[in-house]
Amino acid sequence: MAQAMDVDGEGDMDTAKFLNAAHDLSLVLGVPSDDVIRSFLAEYPLPMVFRLLQQEADDPQSVETICNALDKVFLSPYGRSLLPLVVPAAAAGLQASQPRIRKLACTQILRLLDHNNAASVSAVRSIDDAHLIEPLLETLADSDEGVAKTASAALQSLASHSDGLAFFFRKCERRLKDLTVTASSTVQMRAFQLAADIAASSPDALAAVRTAGLLRPLVDDLSQSTDVLSSINALELLGEIAKSPHGASFVVEGQLPRQLEKLIAGDTTDGFVRSRAMMVAARLVSPEGGRPSPLDEQEASALVRAFNDIIVRAEDDEDLEGVDDLEDSAIDALGQMGTSASGAELLLREPDVAHPAARHVARAVFTRMKSSQQLAAIHALASIAGAERHEPSPILSTSGEDSLKNLVYGLAAGTSYHTPGAVLWHLLQQSDETRVATYRLITVVVARHWGISEVCAHEQLVSFLSDPASERSKQAMEWRHSACVAAASAAQRFASTGEVSLSSEAVNKLDAAARRGPYLSATGRPEAIPTVTTDQRPGG
């Protein structure tokens, strides 16, 4: 590993014997015990191992064997305690010709930083004293993807410590900014990814990244770049940043919502870029994990209107290139928007209550029979209706509920089935995937008095739901049962309040089906559930 790895080692080493021992150590399963590592290092001290690694640098097989053994050494608690002693070796390792050695150096720096919080300050200072921060940043441009990725992880870990964050920006801010602008596209994306990972780690880190302007070129790329891949990569990274609460606030401050609006509704936007922009926008309107949206109402409404505009244009021009893909992407994204109550309310009132954006989803459910788009739309409508909002309730505001009801009844009336219950019955006559999606929709539709009324009023639908023989796959059986449980519970609740009058025969069927469980036959006997066993050899 170059000159710094040739630390004070004494005596000669039997190379073949050592390589055999290193190979044996690398084969130890899991983390070796401290006794195993102490025994290995007693015979082969680290200075001697590093010296031999330098000597064998031109032999890839020997390098791999030694590096694998060192990985095992530093996995153990005792080996980790030695990491501060090998910082000088890591500096030389970053300059090695073999990528395996460079990756080993990055890995040990990462392990040193992650070793324990108590030692973090001394670890950061030892790395700074060894002048490792700048070379580690340059390793982002390594020709080996694995080396660059490990270096990035080490730098991210460094910046996660308060002292390390200060050291990093004092020494690397200008160079990292250069990499985001002047490096090759691959290295640019690595630099942006590092900046994004650092920004998402803490409020202080986000403030440092914002002050340095490291991510501003990403938003600029969306408005100026004609490179499809660069735009998609920029959206991917901005989407990742937006997953953390403070990261989401940052991308909103950076004018990302306005850029997303332009990309979604733009006539000349590439289809792949538009699709990715739609999903990033959806996750800003309804963040994963139930977090509140970082967007204000005006920004969120503008994004919903952009969706509506491009879908309307696509519907009016069936010859538009990529129209099917556009509508598929839009339905998926609208479903994500609908996972939150605020997102669902937006979809049911924007651009106006008479023509809400949610109608595009519902129309695909009611009119795109037996298509992949219909399957996605059923799931999306279930999300808007509250499939992810069981606690405390999937129910929306009075205006939201009125809009949803009018939408469902209005579209059903325009089909040959006439009623929502008949449409649900028809959907359950289709493929396994469509039935599972329909069961998911039924579980939330019945939370409304009109929904449980529609189900109970359709005799064939109730019979299908309550018949254990309706399904054969485990997933479909469980979803059918979930629909029965939800319907039976809703029927009892509404009956107790006198809000609706339901068929007692339908209610009894649903209640009995809910009590039987998902895997019982109509006779009440357990269904045979397939199991997988190991074949026995004859005579075995």
Protein backbone atom coordinates (compact mmCIF):
# COMPACT_ATOMS: atom_id res chain seq x y z
CA MET A 1 0.00 0.00 0.00
CA ALA A 2 2.73 2.54 -0.86
CA GLN A 3 5.22 3.96 1.58
CA ALA A 4 2.92 4.91 4.48
CA MET A 5 1.88 1.29 4.78
CA ASP A 6 5.44 0.22 5.36
CA VAL A 7 5.30 0.96 9.06
CA ASP A 8 7.79 -0.37 11.56
CA GLY A 9 7.63 -4.08 11.02
CA GLU A 10 10.46 -6.37 11.99
CA GLY A 11 11.39 -9.85 10.83
CA ASP A 12 10.57 -11.93 7.79
CA MET A 13 7.29 -13.57 7.00
CA ASP A 14 6.52 -16.83 5.27
CA THR A 15 4.29 -15.40 2.54
CA ALA A 16 2.62 -18.66 1.55
CA LYS A 17 1.89 -19.55 5.17
CA PHE A 18 0.49 -16.08 5.80
CA LEU A 19 -1.76 -16.17 2.72
CA ASN A 20 -3.15 -19.52 3.86
CA ALA A 21 -3.85 -18.11 7.31
CA ALA A 22 -5.46 -14.99 5.80
CA HIS A 23 -7.61 -17.16 3.57
CA ASP A 24 -8.75 -19.26 6.53
CA LEU A 25 -9.62 -16.13 8.51
CA SER A 26 -11.66 -14.72 5.59
CA LEU A 27 -13.79 -17.88 5.60
CA VAL A 28 -14.88 -17.46 9.24
CA LEU A 29 -18.64 -17.03 9.30
CA GLY A 30 -19.96 -13.77 10.73
CA VAL A 31 -17.83 -11.70 13.09
CA PRO A 32 -14.73 -13.52 14.34
CA SER A 33 -14.20 -13.69 18.10
CA ASP A 34 -11.59 -11.48 19.73
CA ASP A 35 -9.59 -14.59 20.61
CA VAL A 36 -9.37 -15.56 16.93
CA ILE A 37 -8.25 -12.06 15.94
CA ARG A 38 -5.72 -11.77 18.78
CA SER A 39 -4.25 -15.13 17.79
CA PHE A 40 -3.99 -14.08 14.13
CA LEU A 41 -2.38 -10.71 14.94
CA ALA A 42 0.01 -12.28 17.43
CA GLU A 43 1.52 -14.25 14.57
CA TYR A 44 0.97 -11.64 11.86
CA PRO A 45 1.09 -8.09 13.34
CA LEU A 46 -0.67 -5.37 11.38
CA PRO A 47 2.55 -3.59 10.31
CA MET A 48 3.78 -6.82 8.71
CA VAL A 49 0.40 -7.42 7.05
CA PHE A 50 0.38 -3.92 5.56
CA ARG A 51 3.94 -4.34 4.35
CA LEU A 52 3.06 -7.57 2.60
CA LEU A 53 -0.02 -5.98 1.07
CA GLN A 54 2.28 -3.36 -0.42
CA GLN A 55 4.62 -6.02 -1.76
CA GLU A 56 1.79 -8.09 -3.27
CA ALA A 57 -0.04 -5.09 -4.77
CA ASP A 58 0.49 -6.38 -8.32
CA ASP A 59 -1.15 -9.74 -7.58
CA PRO A 60 -4.96 -9.28 -7.51
CA GLN A 61 -5.59 -12.68 -5.94
CA SER A 62 -3.21 -12.05 -3.05
CA VAL A 63 -4.60 -8.55 -2.59
CA GLU A 64 -8.15 -9.92 -2.39
CA THR A 65 -7.11 -12.54 0.17
CA ILE A 66 -5.30 -10.03 2.41
CA CYS A 67 -8.06 -7.43 2.16
CA ASN A 68 -10.73 -10.00 3.02
CA ALA A 69 -8.72 -11.02 6.08
CA LEU A 70 -8.30 -7.39 7.17
CA ASP A 71 -12.03 -6.86 6.76
CA LYS A 72 -12.57 -9.70 9.22
CA VAL A 73 -9.99 -8.26 11.61
CA PHE A 74 -11.71 -4.87 11.75
CA LEU A 75 -15.17 -6.38 12.07
CA SER A 76 -14.30 -7.74 15.53
CA PRO A 77 -14.51 -5.55 18.66
CA TYR A 78 -10.77 -5.96 19.26
CA GLY A 79 -9.97 -5.11 15.65
CA ARG A 80 -12.15 -2.01 15.79
CA SER A 81 -10.20 -0.80 18.80
CA LEU A 82 -7.09 -0.81 16.59
CA LEU A 83 -8.61 1.36 13.85
CA PRO A 84 -7.08 4.66 15.10
CA LEU A 85 -3.65 3.06 14.68
CA VAL A 86 -4.16 2.36 10.98
CA VAL A 87 -5.23 5.86 9.88
CA PRO A 88 -1.78 6.53 8.28
CA ALA A 89 -2.12 3.27 6.34
CA ALA A 90 -5.52 4.38 5.05
CA ALA A 91 -3.98 7.55 3.60
CA ALA A 92 -1.65 5.44 1.48
CA GLY A 93 -4.39 2.96 0.69
CA LEU A 94 -6.46 5.67 -1.02
CA GLN A 95 -3.61 6.09 -3.52
CA ALA A 96 -3.15 2.36 -4.24
CA SER A 97 -3.43 1.06 -7.78
CA GLN A 98 -5.74 -1.81 -6.83
CA PRO A 99 -9.39 -0.78 -6.30
CA ARG A 100 -9.76 -3.47 -3.64
CA ILE A 101 -7.11 -1.73 -1.52
CA ARG A 102 -8.71 1.68 -2.08
CA LYS A 103 -12.06 0.28 -0.98
CA LEU A 104 -10.45 -1.30 2.10
CA ALA A 105 -9.04 2.11 3.06
CA CYS A 106 -12.44 3.79 2.65
CA THR A 107 -14.14 1.02 4.61
CA GLN A 108 -11.78 1.35 7.57
CA ILE A 109 -12.25 5.13 7.67
CA LEU A 110 -16.01 4.55 7.69
CA ARG A 111 -15.70 1.97 10.47
CA LEU A 112 -13.52 4.30 12.52
CA LEU A 113 -16.13 7.06 12.29
CA ASP A 114 -19.01 4.70 13.06
CA HIS A 115 -17.16 2.84 15.85
CA ASN A 116 -18.85 4.68 18.73
CA ASN A 117 -20.11 8.14 19.51
CA ALA A 118 -17.76 8.61 22.45
CA ALA A 119 -14.74 8.28 20.18
CA SER A 120 -16.23 10.32 17.33
CA VAL A 121 -14.45 13.58 18.15
CA SER A 122 -11.02 11.95 18.36
CA ALA A 123 -11.74 9.93 15.21
CA VAL A 124 -12.67 13.06 13.25
CA ARG A 125 -9.54 14.85 14.46
CA SER A 126 -7.27 11.90 13.65
CA ILE A 127 -8.70 11.77 10.12
CA ASP A 128 -8.18 15.51 9.74
CA ASP A 129 -4.65 15.31 11.15
CA ALA A 130 -3.83 12.60 8.59
CA HIS A 131 -5.10 14.90 5.80
CA LEU A 132 -7.61 12.25 4.69
CA ILE A 133 -10.66 14.41 4.07
CA GLU A 134 -9.57 15.90 0.74
CA PRO A 135 -8.26 12.62 -0.73
CA LEU A 136 -11.45 10.91 0.37
CA LEU A 137 -13.49 13.51 -1.54
CA GLU A 138 -11.38 12.98 -4.66
CA THR A 139 -12.23 9.29 -4.43
CA LEU A 140 -15.77 10.20 -5.53
CA ALA A 141 -14.26 10.25 -9.02
CA ASP A 142 -12.87 6.71 -8.64
CA SER A 143 -13.33 4.51 -11.70
CA ASP A 144 -14.63 1.74 -9.43
CA GLU A 145 -18.26 2.34 -8.40
CA GLY A 146 -17.84 0.37 -5.17
CA VAL A 147 -14.86 2.45 -4.07
CA ALA A 148 -16.66 5.72 -4.81
CA LYS A 149 -19.78 4.56 -2.97
CA THR A 150 -17.79 3.58 0.14
CA ALA A 151 -15.90 6.89 0.08
CA SER A 152 -19.19 8.76 -0.11
CA ALA A 153 -20.54 6.79 2.87
CA ALA A 154 -17.41 7.66 4.87
CA LEU A 155 -17.76 11.37 4.03
CA GLN A 156 -21.43 11.29 4.95
CA SER A 157 -20.54 9.70 8.29
CA LEU A 158 -17.85 12.34 8.83
CA ALA A 159 -20.35 15.14 8.19
CA SER A 160 -22.87 13.59 10.57
CA HIS A 161 -20.60 14.59 13.49
CA SER A 162 -20.69 18.26 14.42
CA ASP A 163 -16.89 18.57 14.34
CA GLY A 164 -16.73 16.58 11.13
CA LEU A 165 -19.34 18.80 9.45
CA ALA A 166 -17.24 21.88 10.19
CA PHE A 167 -14.03 20.20 8.97
CA PHE A 168 -15.73 18.94 5.82
CA PHE A 169 -17.12 22.28 4.70
CA ARG A 170 -13.97 24.19 5.62
CA LYS A 171 -11.83 21.89 3.52
CA CYS A 172 -14.14 20.54 0.83
CA GLU A 173 -16.91 23.02 0.07
CA ARG A 174 -15.25 24.57 -2.97
CA ARG A 175 -14.04 21.27 -4.41
CA LEU A 176 -17.41 19.57 -3.94
CA LYS A 177 -19.10 22.49 -5.68
CA ASP A 178 -16.59 22.14 -8.55
CA LEU A 179 -17.46 18.45 -8.88
CA THR A 180 -21.17 19.26 -9.19
CA VAL A 181 -20.46 21.62 -12.08
CA THR A 182 -17.34 20.57 -13.98
CA ALA A 183 -16.93 16.82 -13.45
CA SER A 184 -18.26 14.09 -15.73
CA SER A 185 -22.00 13.42 -15.46
CA THR A 186 -21.36 10.28 -13.39
CA VAL A 187 -19.16 12.10 -10.90
CA GLN A 188 -21.56 15.06 -10.82
CA MET A 189 -24.35 12.75 -9.74
CA ARG A 190 -22.13 11.20 -7.07
CA ALA A 191 -21.30 14.68 -5.75
CA PHE A 192 -24.96 15.71 -5.74
CA GLN A 193 -25.88 12.46 -4.00
CA LEU A 194 -23.30 13.13 -1.30
CA ALA A 195 -24.59 16.67 -0.81
CA ALA A 196 -28.15 15.32 -0.66
CA ASP A 197 -27.22 12.63 1.89
CA ILE A 198 -25.44 15.19 4.06
CA ALA A 199 -28.37 17.61 3.80
CA ALA A 200 -30.82 14.94 4.94
CA SER A 201 -28.77 14.00 8.02
CA SER A 202 -29.57 16.94 10.31
CA PRO A 203 -30.90 20.52 10.33
CA ASP A 204 -27.35 21.87 10.78
CA ALA A 205 -26.12 19.84 7.80
CA LEU A 206 -29.04 21.03 5.70
CA ALA A 207 -28.25 24.64 6.60
CA ALA A 208 -24.61 24.13 5.61
CA VAL A 209 -25.56 22.59 2.26
CA ARG A 210 -28.09 25.36 1.61
CA THR A 211 -25.56 28.10 2.47
CA ALA A 212 -22.99 26.54 0.18
CA GLY A 213 -25.52 26.37 -2.67
CA LEU A 214 -24.50 22.79 -3.41
CA LEU A 215 -27.89 21.62 -4.61
CA ARG A 216 -28.97 24.71 -6.49
CA PRO A 217 -27.60 23.33 -9.81
CA LEU A 218 -30.06 20.41 -9.49
CA VAL A 219 -33.07 22.70 -9.72
CA ASP A 220 -31.32 24.68 -12.46
CA ASP A 221 -30.83 21.44 -14.41
CA LEU A 222 -34.58 20.89 -14.44
CA SER A 223 -35.22 24.23 -16.12
CA GLN A 224 -32.21 24.32 -18.45
CA SER A 225 -31.03 20.81 -19.24
CA THR A 226 -31.95 19.04 -22.45
CA ASP A 227 -30.27 15.89 -21.16
CA VAL A 228 -33.03 13.45 -20.19
CA LEU A 229 -30.76 11.34 -17.98
CA SER A 230 -29.49 14.38 -16.07
CA SER A 231 -33.04 15.60 -15.49
CA ILE A 232 -34.18 12.18 -14.25
CA ASN A 233 -31.16 11.91 -11.95
CA ALA A 234 -31.83 15.40 -10.62
CA LEU A 235 -35.44 14.48 -9.88
CA GLU A 236 -34.38 11.22 -8.21
CA LEU A 237 -32.00 13.08 -5.89
CA LEU A 238 -34.44 15.88 -5.09
CA GLY A 239 -37.05 13.23 -4.38
CA GLU A 240 -34.68 11.50 -1.96
CA ILE A 241 -33.93 14.79 -0.19
CA ALA A 242 -37.64 15.50 0.12
CA LYS A 243 -38.19 12.26 2.07
CA SER A 244 -36.79 13.84 5.25
CA PRO A 245 -38.79 16.64 6.92
CA HIS A 246 -36.03 19.28 6.77
CA GLY A 247 -34.99 18.08 3.31
CA ALA A 248 -38.55 18.55 2.05
CA SER A 249 -38.59 22.10 3.35
CA PHE A 250 -35.31 22.76 1.58
CA VAL A 251 -36.44 21.60 -1.86
CA VAL A 252 -39.62 23.62 -1.52
CA GLU A 253 -37.60 26.73 -0.72
CA GLY A 254 -35.51 25.98 -3.79
CA GLN A 255 -38.45 26.59 -6.13
CA LEU A 256 -38.82 22.90 -6.93
CA PRO A 257 -42.65 22.97 -6.88
CA ARG A 258 -42.70 25.55 -9.67
CA GLN A 259 -40.24 23.51 -11.75
CA LEU A 260 -42.29 20.36 -11.20
CA GLU A 261 -45.42 22.18 -12.31
CA LYS A 262 -43.72 23.18 -15.58
CA LEU A 263 -42.35 19.69 -16.21
CA ILE A 264 -45.68 17.98 -15.57
CA ALA A 265 -47.78 20.29 -17.75
CA GLY A 266 -45.15 21.09 -20.40
CA ASP A 267 -45.94 19.99 -23.96
CA THR A 268 -42.30 19.21 -24.75
CA THR A 269 -41.35 17.40 -21.54
CA ASP A 270 -39.83 13.97 -22.12
CA GLY A 271 -42.15 11.17 -20.98
CA PHE A 272 -39.67 9.65 -18.53
CA VAL A 273 -38.92 13.05 -17.01
CA ARG A 274 -42.64 13.86 -16.70
CA SER A 275 -43.33 10.51 -15.03
CA ARG A 276 -40.61 11.06 -12.43
CA ALA A 277 -41.70 14.67 -11.87
CA MET A 278 -45.25 13.45 -11.22
CA MET A 279 -44.15 11.04 -8.50
CA VAL A 280 -41.86 13.60 -6.81
CA ALA A 281 -44.76 16.06 -6.83
CA ALA A 282 -47.11 13.44 -5.39
CA ARG A 283 -44.74 12.73 -2.51
CA LEU A 284 -44.44 16.42 -1.73
CA VAL A 285 -48.24 16.74 -1.59
CA SER A 286 -48.59 13.55 0.50
CA PRO A 287 -45.26 12.57 2.09
CA GLU A 288 -44.72 8.95 3.03
CA GLY A 289 -45.16 8.01 6.68
CA GLY A 290 -48.06 10.39 7.23
CA ARG A 291 -45.86 13.48 7.64
CA PRO A 292 -47.47 16.86 6.89
CA SER A 293 -46.78 18.32 3.46
CA PRO A 294 -44.07 21.02 3.23
CA LEU A 295 -46.15 22.73 0.52
CA ASP A 296 -48.57 25.51 1.21
CA GLU A 297 -52.10 25.15 -0.16
CA GLN A 298 -51.41 27.33 -3.19
CA GLU A 299 -48.36 25.28 -4.22
CA ALA A 300 -50.17 21.96 -3.74
CA SER A 301 -53.20 23.17 -5.69
CA ALA A 302 -50.99 24.35 -8.55
CA LEU A 303 -49.43 20.88 -8.83
CA VAL A 304 -52.86 19.19 -8.89
CA ARG A 305 -53.98 21.59 -11.63
CA ALA A 306 -50.84 20.76 -13.62
CA PHE A 307 -51.77 17.07 -13.44
CA ASN A 308 -55.29 17.85 -14.54
CA ASP A 309 -54.15 20.02 -17.46
CA ILE A 310 -51.84 17.42 -19.00
CA ILE A 311 -54.35 14.56 -18.54
CA VAL A 312 -57.12 16.61 -20.18
CA ARG A 313 -54.84 17.38 -23.13
CA ALA A 314 -53.95 13.69 -23.40
CA GLU A 315 -57.61 12.68 -23.37
CA ASP A 316 -58.40 15.23 -26.08
CA ASP A 317 -55.52 14.08 -28.28
CA GLU A 318 -55.36 10.26 -28.38
CA ASP A 319 -52.59 10.48 -30.98
CA LEU A 320 -50.32 12.27 -28.52
CA GLU A 321 -47.03 10.38 -28.24
CA GLY A 322 -46.82 8.24 -25.10
CA VAL A 323 -50.39 9.05 -24.02
CA ASP A 324 -50.92 5.64 -22.37
CA ASP A 325 -47.70 5.88 -20.37
CA LEU A 326 -48.60 9.43 -19.38
CA GLU A 327 -52.00 8.40 -18.06
CA ASP A 328 -50.53 5.37 -16.25
CA SER A 329 -47.93 7.57 -14.51
CA ALA A 330 -50.56 10.16 -13.64
CA ILE A 331 -52.87 7.57 -12.05
CA ASP A 332 -50.05 6.13 -9.93
CA ALA A 333 -49.03 9.62 -8.78
CA LEU A 334 -52.62 10.72 -8.07
CA GLY A 335 -53.04 7.58 -5.96
CA GLN A 336 -49.96 8.56 -3.93
CA MET A 337 -51.38 12.07 -3.51
CA GLY A 338 -54.62 10.59 -2.23
CA THR A 339 -52.98 8.68 0.61
CA SER A 340 -53.21 11.72 2.89
CA ALA A 341 -56.50 13.36 3.82
CA SER A 342 -55.29 16.76 2.65
CA GLY A 343 -54.13 15.29 -0.67
CA ALA A 344 -57.42 13.48 -1.20
CA GLU A 345 -59.36 16.67 -0.46
CA LEU A 346 -57.30 18.52 -3.08
CA LEU A 347 -57.98 15.85 -5.70
CA LEU A 348 -61.70 16.05 -5.00
CA ARG A 349 -61.97 19.84 -5.37
CA GLU A 350 -59.23 20.94 -7.81
CA PRO A 351 -59.39 22.44 -10.38
CA ASP A 352 -63.09 22.70 -9.43
CA VAL A 353 -65.63 20.57 -7.58
CA ALA A 354 -67.59 19.82 -10.76
CA HIS A 355 -64.50 18.48 -12.52
CA PRO A 356 -62.03 17.34 -9.83
CA ALA A 357 -58.69 15.74 -10.72
CA ALA A 358 -59.85 12.55 -8.97
CA ARG A 359 -62.33 12.00 -11.81
CA HIS A 360 -59.47 10.81 -14.02
CA VAL A 361 -58.81 7.99 -11.56
CA ALA A 362 -62.48 7.09 -11.12
CA ARG A 363 -63.13 7.20 -14.86
CA ALA A 364 -60.35 4.66 -15.43
CA VAL A 365 -61.97 2.38 -12.83
CA PHE A 366 -65.42 2.57 -14.42
CA THR A 367 -64.57 2.70 -18.14
CA ARG A 368 -61.15 1.08 -18.76
CA MET A 369 -62.41 -2.46 -18.26
CA LYS A 370 -59.84 -5.29 -18.17
CA SER A 371 -56.81 -3.02 -18.65
CA SER A 372 -53.63 -2.57 -16.62
CA GLN A 373 -54.61 1.08 -16.25
CA GLN A 374 -57.86 0.03 -14.60
CA LEU A 375 -55.95 -2.08 -12.06
CA ALA A 376 -53.75 0.87 -11.07
CA ALA A 377 -56.82 3.11 -10.95
CA ILE A 378 -58.69 0.81 -8.55
CA HIS A 379 -55.74 0.95 -6.15
CA ALA A 380 -55.50 4.73 -6.61
CA LEU A 381 -59.23 5.23 -5.93
CA ALA A 382 -58.90 3.05 -2.82
CA SER A 383 -56.08 5.32 -1.61
CA ILE A 384 -58.15 8.44 -2.24
CA ALA A 385 -61.05 6.84 -0.36
CA GLY A 386 -58.74 6.19 2.61
CA ALA A 387 -57.09 2.76 2.32
CA GLU A 388 -54.00 4.16 4.10
CA ARG A 389 -56.02 6.32 6.51
CA HIS A 390 -57.71 3.77 8.77
CA GLU A 391 -56.71 5.65 11.93
CA PRO A 392 -58.64 7.48 13.15
CA SER A 393 -60.94 7.26 10.10
CA PRO A 394 -60.77 7.23 6.31
CA ILE A 395 -63.65 9.72 6.16
CA LEU A 396 -62.97 13.17 4.67
CA SER A 397 -64.68 16.52 5.22
CA THR A 398 -68.34 16.89 4.31
CA SER A 399 -67.46 18.57 1.01
CA GLY A 400 -64.83 15.93 0.25
CA GLU A 401 -67.25 13.12 0.95
CA ASP A 402 -69.96 14.73 -1.16
CA SER A 403 -67.52 15.10 -4.05
CA LEU A 404 -66.42 11.46 -3.78
CA LYS A 405 -70.01 10.20 -3.68
CA ASN A 406 -71.12 12.34 -6.62
CA LEU A 407 -68.09 11.24 -8.61
CA VAL A 408 -68.71 7.53 -8.04
CA TYR A 409 -72.46 7.65 -8.69
CA GLY A 410 -72.13 9.94 -11.68
CA LEU A 411 -69.60 7.73 -13.45
CA ALA A 412 -71.42 4.50 -12.56
CA ALA A 413 -74.64 5.88 -14.03
CA GLY A 414 -72.88 6.37 -17.34
CA THR A 415 -71.93 2.69 -17.64
CA SER A 416 -74.02 -0.30 -18.61
CA TYR A 417 -73.94 -1.39 -14.93
CA HIS A 418 -75.67 1.80 -13.69
CA THR A 419 -74.83 1.45 -9.98
CA PRO A 420 -71.55 1.36 -8.00
CA GLY A 421 -72.51 -2.02 -6.50
CA ALA A 422 -72.96 -3.55 -9.94
CA VAL A 423 -69.60 -2.15 -11.05
CA LEU A 424 -67.90 -3.71 -8.00
CA TRP A 425 -69.58 -7.03 -8.80
CA HIS A 426 -68.32 -6.84 -12.37
CA LEU A 427 -64.76 -6.07 -11.20
CA LEU A 428 -64.83 -9.19 -9.02
CA GLN A 429 -65.39 -11.31 -12.14
CA GLN A 430 -61.98 -10.35 -13.52
CA SER A 431 -58.37 -11.40 -12.80
CA ASP A 432 -56.91 -12.27 -9.39
CA GLU A 433 -55.01 -8.96 -9.28
CA THR A 434 -58.15 -6.98 -10.13
CA ARG A 435 -60.17 -8.79 -7.48
CA VAL A 436 -57.54 -8.10 -4.80
CA ALA A 437 -57.56 -4.41 -5.75
CA THR A 438 -61.38 -4.39 -5.66
CA TYR A 439 -61.46 -5.99 -2.20
CA ARG A 440 -59.08 -3.24 -1.05
CA LEU A 441 -61.46 -0.63 -2.49
CA ILE A 442 -64.50 -2.26 -0.85
CA THR A 443 -62.86 -2.18 2.61
CA VAL A 444 -62.90 1.64 2.55
CA VAL A 445 -66.00 2.29 0.44
CA VAL A 446 -68.17 0.51 3.03
CA ALA A 447 -67.06 3.03 5.66
CA ARG A 448 -69.60 5.35 3.96
CA HIS A 449 -73.33 4.80 4.44
CA TRP A 450 -73.87 4.90 0.69
CA GLY A 451 -71.04 2.39 0.20
CA ILE A 452 -72.41 -0.25 2.58
CA SER A 453 -75.88 0.35 1.11
CA GLU A 454 -74.59 -0.38 -2.40
CA VAL A 455 -72.85 -3.57 -1.28
CA CYS A 456 -75.78 -4.94 0.69
CA ALA A 457 -78.27 -4.08 -2.07
CA HIS A 458 -76.48 -6.28 -4.61
CA GLU A 459 -77.31 -9.90 -3.86
CA GLN A 460 -74.69 -11.42 -6.18
CA LEU A 461 -71.97 -9.18 -4.75
CA VAL A 462 -72.81 -10.20 -1.18
CA SER A 463 -72.92 -13.89 -2.15
CA PHE A 464 -69.51 -13.65 -3.81
CA LEU A 465 -67.97 -11.80 -0.86
CA SER A 466 -69.36 -14.25 1.69
CA ASP A 467 -68.47 -17.43 -0.23
CA PRO A 468 -65.14 -18.89 1.00
CA ALA A 469 -64.86 -20.83 -2.25
CA SER A 470 -64.70 -17.60 -4.26
CA GLU A 471 -60.90 -17.48 -3.97
CA ARG A 472 -58.02 -19.93 -4.16
CA SER A 473 -54.87 -17.87 -3.54
CA LYS A 474 -53.88 -16.98 0.02
CA GLN A 475 -53.65 -13.27 -0.74
CA ALA A 476 -57.09 -13.12 -2.36
CA MET A 477 -58.64 -15.15 0.48
CA GLU A 478 -57.27 -12.71 3.04
CA TRP A 479 -58.41 -9.63 1.13
CA ARG A 480 -61.88 -11.11 0.58
CA HIS A 481 -62.12 -11.71 4.31
CA SER A 482 -60.90 -8.18 5.10
CA ALA A 483 -63.67 -6.81 2.88
CA CYS A 484 -66.23 -8.96 4.72
CA VAL A 485 -64.96 -7.82 8.13
CA ALA A 486 -65.10 -4.17 7.09
CA ALA A 487 -68.57 -4.55 5.58
CA ALA A 488 -69.98 -6.45 8.56
CA SER A 489 -68.55 -3.91 11.00
CA ALA A 490 -69.91 -0.98 8.98
CA ALA A 491 -73.34 -2.64 8.70
CA GLN A 492 -73.57 -3.05 12.47
CA ARG A 493 -72.41 0.51 13.08
CA PHE A 494 -74.86 2.12 10.66
CA ALA A 495 -77.70 -0.14 11.78
CA SER A 496 -77.19 0.94 15.40
CA THR A 497 -77.47 4.60 14.43
CA GLY A 498 -80.44 4.09 12.11
CA GLU A 499 -78.67 5.96 9.28
CA VAL A 500 -79.44 3.32 6.66
CA SER A 501 -81.81 0.41 6.17
CA LEU A 502 -79.95 -2.72 5.09
CA SER A 503 -81.05 -6.18 4.02
CA SER A 504 -80.89 -8.39 7.11
CA GLU A 505 -80.05 -11.39 4.91
CA ALA A 506 -77.06 -9.55 3.41
CA VAL A 507 -75.86 -8.37 6.81
CA ASN A 508 -76.11 -11.90 8.26
CA LYS A 509 -74.16 -13.36 5.34
CA LEU A 510 -71.38 -10.80 5.72
CA ASP A 511 -71.24 -11.26 9.48
CA ALA A 512 -71.03 -15.06 9.16
CA ALA A 513 -68.28 -14.76 6.57
CA ALA A 514 -66.34 -12.40 8.81
CA ARG A 515 -66.61 -14.84 11.72
CA ARG A 516 -65.52 -17.86 9.64
CA GLY A 517 -62.14 -16.34 8.80
CA PRO A 518 -60.35 -16.31 5.46
CA TYR A 519 -59.50 -20.01 5.04
CA LEU A 520 -62.70 -21.88 5.98
CA SER A 521 -64.97 -23.68 3.55
CA ALA A 522 -68.68 -23.10 3.26
CA THR A 523 -69.26 -26.11 5.57
CA GLY A 524 -67.14 -24.54 8.29
CA ARG A 525 -64.35 -27.06 7.93
CA PRO A 526 -60.77 -25.86 7.53
CA GLU A 527 -59.56 -25.55 3.97
CA ALA A 528 -56.43 -27.48 3.04
CA ILE A 529 -53.58 -24.97 3.03
CA PRO A 530 -50.67 -26.00 0.79
CA THR A 531 -47.32 -26.52 2.46
CA VAL A 532 -43.82 -26.98 1.08
CA THR A 533 -41.74 -29.88 2.34
CA THR A 534 -38.32 -31.27 1.51
CA ASP A 535 -38.47 -34.28 -0.77
CA GLN A 536 -37.26 -37.51 0.83
CA ARG A 537 -34.92 -39.66 -1.21
CA PRO A 538 -35.82 -43.33 -1.54
CA GLY A 539 -34.48 -45.18 1.43
CA GLY A 540 -33.65 -41.87 3.19
